[in-house]
């Protein structure tokens, strides 16, 4: 762990630190093998319930992960496609609001997607 500088808690304070660590291990000189003889687990954690905050953290974490590892070749096009997909989700949620009784959940999702649109615009 010391040889690859542990978790990157600065870039990934909530999500994706484990995936980013795995990518660095994969890119390192380490030889990685799989075994069923060892079980690793942890208690507790920073898991968030599934809501708009978690959706925003997920997108932010993925963006940072892909940017750090140079997996986004066209950031402007990628942001455009993300915004298009999120806008379509907003349209579907507005439609669903007309027909479903659980309006408060849909409103939370709508508000979260609207904020996510702003977040994506600010991605570097």
Protein backbone atom coordinates (compact mmCIF):
# COMPACT_ATOMS: atom_id res chain seq x y z
CA UNK A 1 0.00 0.00 0.00
CA UNK A 2 2.81 2.39 0.84
CA UNK A 3 4.44 1.74 -2.53
CA UNK A 4 1.41 3.06 -4.41
CA UNK A 5 0.61 5.87 -1.97
CA UNK A 6 -2.48 4.42 -0.27
CA UNK A 7 -5.97 5.77 -1.05
CA UNK A 8 -6.33 9.10 -2.81
CA UNK A 9 -8.69 10.61 -0.23
CA UNK A 10 -8.18 14.14 -1.57
CA UNK A 11 -9.56 13.39 -5.05
CA UNK A 12 -11.99 10.69 -3.90
CA UNK A 13 -13.29 11.67 -0.43
CA UNK A 14 -16.61 9.79 -0.68
CA UNK A 15 -16.64 7.33 -3.57
CA UNK A 16 -14.34 5.59 -6.05
CA UNK A 17 -11.20 5.53 -3.84
CA UNK A 18 -11.20 1.73 -3.90
CA UNK A 19 -11.64 1.58 -7.69
CA UNK A 20 -8.92 4.17 -8.19
CA UNK A 21 -6.58 2.20 -5.91
CA UNK A 22 -7.31 -0.95 -7.92
CA UNK A 23 -6.46 0.89 -11.15
CA UNK A 24 -3.13 2.02 -9.71
CA UNK A 25 -2.38 -1.51 -8.54
CA UNK A 26 -3.21 -2.80 -12.02
CA UNK A 27 -0.86 -0.22 -13.57
CA UNK A 28 1.92 -0.94 -11.08
CA UNK A 29 4.62 -3.59 -11.26
CA UNK A 30 2.73 -5.75 -8.77
CA UNK A 31 1.59 -9.17 -9.82
CA UNK A 32 -2.01 -9.66 -8.74
CA UNK A 33 -3.57 -13.07 -8.27
CA UNK A 34 -7.01 -14.17 -7.17
CA UNK A 35 -7.67 -16.62 -4.39
CA UNK A 36 -10.78 -17.90 -2.68
CA UNK A 37 -8.80 -18.73 0.46
CA UNK A 38 -8.71 -15.16 1.77
CA UNK A 39 -11.77 -13.12 2.68
CA UNK A 40 -11.44 -9.39 3.29
CA UNK A 41 -14.27 -7.33 4.74
CA UNK A 42 -14.87 -4.19 6.74
CA UNK A 43 -17.49 -2.94 9.14
CA UNK A 44 -19.25 0.34 8.69
CA UNK A 45 -18.33 2.77 6.00
CA UNK A 46 -19.50 5.93 4.33
CA UNK A 47 -22.34 4.44 2.30
CA UNK A 48 -25.15 6.81 1.46
CA UNK A 49 -28.73 5.83 1.00
CA UNK A 50 -29.84 5.96 -2.61
CA UNK A 51 -30.97 9.53 -3.16
CA UNK A 52 -30.00 12.52 -5.25
CA UNK A 53 -26.87 13.15 -3.16
CA UNK A 54 -25.59 9.66 -3.90
CA UNK A 55 -26.32 10.05 -7.62
CA UNK A 56 -24.34 13.29 -7.67
CA UNK A 57 -21.45 11.73 -5.72
CA UNK A 58 -21.45 8.79 -8.13
CA UNK A 59 -21.17 11.04 -11.19
CA UNK A 60 -18.56 13.28 -9.60
CA UNK A 61 -16.49 10.28 -8.52
CA UNK A 62 -16.63 8.67 -11.96
CA UNK A 63 -15.68 11.93 -13.69
CA UNK A 64 -12.68 12.40 -11.39
CA UNK A 65 -11.64 8.77 -11.78
CA UNK A 66 -11.77 8.83 -15.58
CA UNK A 67 -10.04 12.23 -15.79
CA UNK A 68 -7.25 11.22 -13.41
CA UNK A 69 -6.55 8.09 -15.45
CA UNK A 70 -6.91 9.91 -18.79
CA UNK A 71 -9.90 7.87 -19.96
CA UNK A 72 -11.87 10.87 -21.28
CA UNK A 73 -10.55 11.81 -24.69
CA UNK A 74 -13.14 14.51 -25.47
CA UNK A 75 -14.28 16.20 -22.25
CA UNK A 76 -16.62 18.66 -23.99
CA UNK A 77 -18.35 15.91 -25.98
CA UNK A 78 -18.55 13.69 -22.89
CA UNK A 79 -20.13 16.50 -20.86
CA UNK A 80 -22.59 17.20 -23.69
CA UNK A 81 -23.62 13.53 -23.80
CA UNK A 82 -23.96 13.39 -20.00
CA UNK A 83 -26.11 16.52 -19.96
CA UNK A 84 -28.27 15.11 -22.78
CA UNK A 85 -28.82 11.87 -20.86
CA UNK A 86 -29.65 13.73 -17.65
CA UNK A 87 -32.04 16.04 -19.50
CA UNK A 88 -33.83 12.98 -20.89
CA UNK A 89 -34.09 11.59 -17.35
CA UNK A 90 -35.65 14.89 -16.26
CA UNK A 91 -38.21 14.62 -19.08
CA UNK A 92 -39.10 11.05 -18.05
CA UNK A 93 -39.38 12.04 -14.38
CA UNK A 94 -41.70 14.95 -15.26
CA UNK A 95 -43.87 12.53 -17.20
CA UNK A 96 -43.84 10.02 -14.32
CA UNK A 97 -44.90 12.74 -11.90
CA UNK A 98 -48.22 12.94 -13.73
CA UNK A 99 -49.07 9.27 -13.14
CA UNK A 100 -47.48 8.13 -9.87
CA UNK A 101 -48.62 8.68 -6.31
CA UNK A 102 -45.11 8.82 -4.81
CA UNK A 103 -44.64 12.37 -6.03
CA UNK A 104 -42.17 13.34 -3.26
CA UNK A 105 -39.64 10.73 -4.45
CA UNK A 106 -39.98 11.92 -8.02
CA UNK A 107 -39.58 15.56 -6.97
CA UNK A 108 -36.39 14.66 -5.08
CA UNK A 109 -35.08 12.89 -8.19
CA UNK A 110 -36.05 15.83 -10.39
CA UNK A 111 -34.30 18.32 -8.13
CA UNK A 112 -31.25 16.08 -7.93
CA UNK A 113 -31.04 15.75 -11.73
CA UNK A 114 -31.37 19.52 -12.14
CA UNK A 115 -28.47 20.01 -9.74
CA UNK A 116 -26.54 17.26 -11.52
CA UNK A 117 -26.89 19.20 -14.78
CA UNK A 118 -25.16 22.14 -13.10
CA UNK A 119 -22.51 19.85 -11.62
CA UNK A 120 -21.65 18.34 -15.00
CA UNK A 121 -21.25 21.80 -16.52
CA UNK A 122 -18.59 22.61 -13.92
CA UNK A 123 -16.58 19.41 -14.42
CA UNK A 124 -12.99 20.15 -15.42
